Every structure is written in structure tokens, then in C-alpha cells.
Amino acid sequence: MVRAVGIAHTFLRPAQVDELVALYREGATLVELGERFSVHRRTVAAHLVRRSIPIRRRGLDESDVTEAVELYEGGSTLIEVGLRFGVSQQAVRRALDVEGVTIRPGGRRARVSA
């Protein structure tokens, strides 16, 4: 039964889910698989969970953590640092937390008057 009216749903056949799992095991990301199979990344994750496949959590490479700390402490936002390294702001937050960096309060940065 489809719960939402007006939303297109794509249902994957068992053979497609088999292919999805194989590609994920080969290194494809949730986003890449979502695009390939025309489903949302959360749908991809749900198929993997049903097949007992652990979901990889992408974070900052150890070699990038020092630079990320410097950027953040230099005034860059979590989002800006994430964009620099191609990861989410949550991944940056986790990496900075492990390094003992104090996270600034959220919200807009104060403008500097010239």
C-alpha cells in the first residue's frame, strides 16, 4: 500500500536489490546508488539494512583532520569545512569533537562593519 498520494514510488525487484548490494560492497555510495536506481539514498540504506549490510559512515580522512581544525578555528563554519573536504557538517562536527575542539554556537556569524 502506498501511503502518500501524488508521490511517485519506485519499487526495486529482488535482482535489482542484489545488484545494489553488490555495488555497495564494491564501494558505491548511497547517493550514487540512489541516482542509479532512481530511489532516495534512505531507500538504498533501508534495502541494505534489510539485507544486514552495515552502512559505511563517511568522515574526514585522518590526513585532513588537522587542516579541518585549522580552518574551523580560523573562522570557517562546519558547512564550509565540510564542503572543502566533500563531507557533511555532521562529519566535520564528529571529527572536531574527537580532537577536543569547542564547537561555536549555531546561527549567523556577526558581520564586521567596515
C-alpha atoms as a PDB file:
ATOM      1  CA  MET A   1       0.000   0.000   0.000  1.00  0.00           C
ATOM      2  CA  VAL A   2       1.321   3.435  -0.914  1.00  0.00           C
ATOM      3  CA  ARG A   3       0.886   5.941   1.922  1.00  0.00           C
ATOM      4  CA  ALA A   4       1.369   9.275   0.178  1.00  0.00           C
ATOM      5  CA  VAL A   5      -0.818  10.413  -2.663  1.00  0.00           C
ATOM      6  CA  GLY A   6       0.905  12.187  -5.520  1.00  0.00           C
ATOM      7  CA  ILE A   7       4.402  10.845  -4.787  1.00  0.00           C
ATOM      8  CA  ALA A   8       5.947   8.517  -7.330  1.00  0.00           C
ATOM      9  CA  HIS A   9       7.313   5.341  -5.752  1.00  0.00           C
ATOM     10  CA  THR A  10       9.961   3.172  -7.328  1.00  0.00           C
ATOM     11  CA  PHE A  11       9.968  -0.410  -6.188  1.00  0.00           C
ATOM     12  CA  LEU A  12      13.102  -2.443  -6.790  1.00  0.00           C
ATOM     13  CA  ARG A  13      12.918  -6.047  -7.885  1.00  0.00           C
ATOM     14  CA  PRO A  14      14.934  -8.589  -5.855  1.00  0.00           C
ATOM     15  CA  ALA A  15      17.507  -8.801  -8.673  1.00  0.00           C
ATOM     16  CA  GLN A  16      17.952  -5.022  -8.532  1.00  0.00           C
ATOM     17  CA  VAL A  17      18.452  -5.150  -4.759  1.00  0.00           C
ATOM     18  CA  ASP A  18      21.057  -7.897  -5.309  1.00  0.00           C
ATOM     19  CA  GLU A  19      22.857  -5.594  -7.765  1.00  0.00           C
ATOM     20  CA  LEU A  20      22.538  -2.644  -5.370  1.00  0.00           C
ATOM     21  CA  VAL A  21      24.133  -4.688  -2.550  1.00  0.00           C
ATOM     22  CA  ALA A  22      26.965  -5.873  -4.816  1.00  0.00           C
ATOM     23  CA  LEU A  23      27.719  -2.320  -5.971  1.00  0.00           C
ATOM     24  CA  TYR A  24      27.669  -1.031  -2.392  1.00  0.00           C
ATOM     25  CA  ARG A  25      30.114  -3.745  -1.348  1.00  0.00           C
ATOM     26  CA  GLU A  26      32.358  -2.638  -4.240  1.00  0.00           C
ATOM     27  CA  GLY A  27      32.424   0.900  -2.834  1.00  0.00           C
ATOM     28  CA  ALA A  28      29.488   2.767  -4.375  1.00  0.00           C
ATOM     29  CA  THR A  29      27.928   5.390  -2.097  1.00  0.00           C
ATOM     30  CA  LEU A  30      24.289   5.629  -1.029  1.00  0.00           C
ATOM     31  CA  VAL A  31      23.857   8.743  -3.176  1.00  0.00           C
ATOM     32  CA  GLU A  32      25.403   7.100  -6.251  1.00  0.00           C
ATOM     33  CA  LEU A  33      23.180   4.060  -5.853  1.00  0.00           C
ATOM     34  CA  GLY A  34      20.114   6.224  -5.319  1.00  0.00           C
ATOM     35  CA  GLU A  35      20.794   8.027  -8.579  1.00  0.00           C
ATOM     36  CA  ARG A  36      21.484   4.788 -10.454  1.00  0.00           C
ATOM     37  CA  PHE A  37      18.284   3.094  -9.264  1.00  0.00           C
ATOM     38  CA  SER A  38      16.141   6.271  -9.160  1.00  0.00           C
ATOM     39  CA  VAL A  39      15.408   6.000  -5.447  1.00  0.00           C
ATOM     40  CA  HIS A  40      16.258   8.142  -2.419  1.00  0.00           C
ATOM     41  CA  ARG A  41      19.500   7.413  -0.560  1.00  0.00           C
ATOM     42  CA  ARG A  42      17.449   6.471   2.512  1.00  0.00           C
ATOM     43  CA  THR A  43      15.644   3.856   0.432  1.00  0.00           C
ATOM     44  CA  VAL A  44      19.031   2.461  -0.580  1.00  0.00           C
ATOM     45  CA  ALA A  45      20.040   2.364   3.092  1.00  0.00           C
ATOM     46  CA  ALA A  46      16.790   0.610   4.005  1.00  0.00           C
ATOM     47  CA  HIS A  47      17.438  -2.126   1.406  1.00  0.00           C
ATOM     48  CA  LEU A  48      20.963  -2.606   2.773  1.00  0.00           C
ATOM     49  CA  VAL A  49      19.727  -2.799   6.364  1.00  0.00           C
ATOM     50  CA  ARG A  50      17.117  -5.403   5.352  1.00  0.00           C
ATOM     51  CA  ARG A  51      19.972  -7.449   3.892  1.00  0.00           C
ATOM     52  CA  SER A  52      22.048  -6.975   7.097  1.00  0.00           C
ATOM     53  CA  ILE A  53      24.716  -4.953   5.282  1.00  0.00           C
ATOM     54  CA  PRO A  54      26.422  -2.439   7.613  1.00  0.00           C
ATOM     55  CA  ILE A  55      26.178   1.158   6.390  1.00  0.00           C
ATOM     56  CA  ARG A  56      29.509   2.921   5.939  1.00  0.00           C
ATOM     57  CA  ARG A  57      29.826   6.270   7.628  1.00  0.00           C
ATOM     58  CA  ARG A  58      31.935   8.639   5.587  1.00  0.00           C
ATOM     59  CA  GLY A  59      34.016  11.050   7.560  1.00  0.00           C
ATOM     60  CA  LEU A  60      37.141  13.110   7.269  1.00  0.00           C
ATOM     61  CA  ASP A  61      40.312  11.272   6.356  1.00  0.00           C
ATOM     62  CA  GLU A  62      42.804  11.278   9.206  1.00  0.00           C
ATOM     63  CA  SER A  63      45.196  13.230   6.995  1.00  0.00           C
ATOM     64  CA  ASP A  64      42.605  16.047   6.643  1.00  0.00           C
ATOM     65  CA  VAL A  65      41.638  16.451  10.309  1.00  0.00           C
ATOM     66  CA  THR A  66      44.480  18.847  11.174  1.00  0.00           C
ATOM     67  CA  GLU A  67      43.593  21.152   8.284  1.00  0.00           C
ATOM     68  CA  ALA A  68      39.897  20.958   9.175  1.00  0.00           C
ATOM     69  CA  VAL A  69      40.680  22.011  12.755  1.00  0.00           C
ATOM     70  CA  GLU A  70      42.777  24.936  11.484  1.00  0.00           C
ATOM     71  CA  LEU A  71      40.036  26.059   9.085  1.00  0.00           C
ATOM     72  CA  TYR A  72      37.337  25.880  11.754  1.00  0.00           C
ATOM     73  CA  GLU A  73      39.430  27.617  14.392  1.00  0.00           C
ATOM     74  CA  GLY A  74      40.273  30.237  11.753  1.00  0.00           C
ATOM     75  CA  GLY A  75      36.591  31.128  11.418  1.00  0.00           C
ATOM     76  CA  SER A  76      35.204  28.786   8.759  1.00  0.00           C
ATOM     77  CA  THR A  77      31.824  27.228   9.505  1.00  0.00           C
ATOM     78  CA  LEU A  78      31.186  23.499   9.794  1.00  0.00           C
ATOM     79  CA  ILE A  79      29.435  23.628   6.426  1.00  0.00           C
ATOM     80  CA  GLU A  80      32.341  25.452   4.780  1.00  0.00           C
ATOM     81  CA  VAL A  81      34.839  22.935   6.141  1.00  0.00           C
ATOM     82  CA  GLY A  82      32.588  20.082   5.021  1.00  0.00           C
ATOM     83  CA  LEU A  83      32.349  21.498   1.510  1.00  0.00           C
ATOM     84  CA  ARG A  84      36.145  21.810   1.379  1.00  0.00           C
ATOM     85  CA  PHE A  85      36.555  18.088   2.086  1.00  0.00           C
ATOM     86  CA  GLY A  86      33.368  16.750   0.486  1.00  0.00           C
ATOM     87  CA  VAL A  87      31.748  15.601   3.731  1.00  0.00           C
ATOM     88  CA  SER A  88      28.722  16.684   5.752  1.00  0.00           C
ATOM     89  CA  GLN A  89      28.806  19.250   8.535  1.00  0.00           C
ATOM     90  CA  GLN A  90      27.958  16.404  10.924  1.00  0.00           C
ATOM     91  CA  ALA A  91      31.077  14.519   9.808  1.00  0.00           C
ATOM     92  CA  VAL A  92      33.150  17.643  10.466  1.00  0.00           C
ATOM     93  CA  ARG A  93      31.494  18.112  13.868  1.00  0.00           C
ATOM     94  CA  ARG A  94      32.294  14.494  14.837  1.00  0.00           C
ATOM     95  CA  ALA A  95      35.935  14.837  13.748  1.00  0.00           C
ATOM     96  CA  LEU A  96      36.382  18.151  15.595  1.00  0.00           C
ATOM     97  CA  ASP A  97      34.732  16.733  18.705  1.00  0.00           C
ATOM     98  CA  VAL A  98      37.199  13.828  18.734  1.00  0.00           C
ATOM     99  CA  GLU A  99      40.006  16.404  18.555  1.00  0.00           C
ATOM    100  CA  GLY A 100      38.554  18.289  21.534  1.00  0.00           C
ATOM    101  CA  VAL A 101      37.624  21.407  19.540  1.00  0.00           C
ATOM    102  CA  THR A 102      34.862  23.529  21.079  1.00  0.00           C
ATOM    103  CA  ILE A 103      32.017  23.954  18.593  1.00  0.00           C
ATOM    104  CA  ARG A 104      30.739  27.511  18.275  1.00  0.00           C
ATOM    105  CA  PRO A 105      27.009  28.214  18.776  1.00  0.00           C
ATOM    106  CA  GLY A 106      24.962  27.932  15.589  1.00  0.00           C
ATOM    107  CA  GLY A 107      23.335  30.793  13.765  1.00  0.00           C
ATOM    108  CA  ARG A 108      24.574  33.536  11.545  1.00  0.00           C
ATOM    109  CA  ARG A 109      28.002  34.977  12.050  1.00  0.00           C
ATOM    110  CA  ALA A 110      28.182  38.610  13.143  1.00  0.00           C
ATOM    111  CA  ARG A 111      29.004  40.969  10.324  1.00  0.00           C
ATOM    112  CA  VAL A 112      32.112  43.033  10.609  1.00  0.00           C
ATOM    113  CA  SER A 113      31.409  46.722   9.986  1.00  0.00           C
ATOM    114  CA  ALA A 114      33.846  48.437   7.682  1.00  0.00           C
END
